Amino acid sequence: MPQYASLGALQPQMVHSAVRSILAGVHLLHQAGVAHCDIKAANILLREEAADAGDAGDNIVLADFNGCTTAGS
């Protein structure tokens, strides 16, 4: 999976879609009592088919859960 940084300049609609997808994923994690603790560009991946199509949508993957914590820990 390529990282967003490897795509060069992104179209505004792709950024909007990507940010919405990232925030939705973080929201789901928080609802499950999980905090990612290391959200950064290197941990936000884009599936190949999204890079080819020029769209993010549901093709964002949040990676590196090694530093996660759960509620109460």
Protein backbone atom coordinates (compact mmCIF):
# COMPACT_ATOMS: atom_id res chain seq x y z
CA MET A 1 0.00 0.00 0.00
CA PRO A 2 1.44 3.38 -0.92
CA GLN A 3 1.56 6.20 1.59
CA TYR A 4 -0.18 9.45 0.69
CA ALA A 5 3.16 11.27 0.60
CA SER A 6 4.21 9.18 -2.38
CA LEU A 7 1.30 10.48 -4.48
CA GLY A 8 2.51 14.09 -4.67
CA ALA A 9 -0.05 16.92 -4.63
CA LEU A 10 -3.55 15.71 -3.77
CA GLN A 11 -6.82 17.03 -5.13
CA PRO A 12 -8.98 18.79 -2.48
CA GLN A 13 -11.81 16.25 -2.83
CA MET A 14 -9.34 13.41 -2.18
CA VAL A 15 -8.05 15.18 0.95
CA HIS A 16 -11.61 15.72 2.18
CA SER A 17 -12.49 12.08 1.62
CA ALA A 18 -9.28 10.89 3.28
CA VAL A 19 -9.67 13.07 6.37
CA ARG A 20 -13.30 11.98 6.80
CA SER A 21 -12.24 8.34 6.54
CA ILE A 22 -9.39 8.77 9.05
CA LEU A 23 -11.65 10.55 11.54
CA ALA A 24 -14.34 7.88 11.13
CA GLY A 25 -11.75 5.19 11.89
CA VAL A 26 -10.46 7.04 14.95
CA HIS A 27 -14.05 7.51 16.12
CA LEU A 28 -14.69 3.76 15.85
CA LEU A 29 -11.51 3.03 17.78
CA HIS A 30 -12.53 5.44 20.53
CA GLN A 31 -16.02 3.91 20.71
CA ALA A 32 -14.30 0.56 21.30
CA GLY A 33 -12.18 2.10 24.07
CA VAL A 34 -8.94 2.08 22.03
CA ALA A 35 -6.54 4.99 21.58
CA HIS A 36 -4.13 4.68 18.62
CA CYS A 37 -1.43 6.97 20.16
CA ASP A 38 0.68 7.24 16.98
CA ILE A 39 -1.39 8.80 14.22
CA LYS A 40 0.98 10.37 11.71
CA ALA A 41 1.40 10.47 7.94
CA ALA A 42 3.60 7.36 7.91
CA ASN A 43 0.79 5.35 9.55
CA ILE A 44 -1.93 6.42 7.10
CA LEU A 45 -1.89 4.13 4.09
CA LEU A 46 -3.85 4.18 0.86
CA ARG A 47 -4.79 0.98 -0.96
CA GLU A 48 -3.44 0.63 -4.50
CA GLU A 49 -6.84 0.74 -6.19
CA ALA A 50 -7.58 4.13 -4.59
CA ALA A 51 -4.27 5.57 -5.77
CA ASP A 52 -4.99 4.40 -9.30
CA ALA A 53 -8.54 5.80 -9.26
CA GLY A 54 -7.58 9.10 -7.63
CA ASP A 55 -10.09 8.60 -4.81
CA ALA A 56 -9.68 7.78 -1.13
CA GLY A 57 -13.14 6.91 0.17
CA ASP A 58 -13.04 3.62 2.06
CA ASN A 59 -9.50 2.85 0.91
CA ILE A 60 -7.66 4.41 3.85
CA VAL A 61 -5.89 2.07 6.24
CA LEU A 62 -4.65 3.19 9.65
CA ALA A 63 -1.50 1.22 10.46
CA ASP A 64 0.86 0.53 13.39
CA PHE A 65 -1.22 -0.31 16.41
CA ASN A 66 1.80 -1.23 18.56
CA GLY A 67 1.38 1.82 20.81
CA CYS A 68 -2.37 1.47 21.33
CA THR A 69 -3.89 1.70 24.74
CA THR A 70 -7.32 0.64 25.91
CA ALA A 71 -9.65 2.37 28.35
CA GLY A 72 -8.61 1.56 31.87
CA SER A 73 -5.01 0.58 31.04
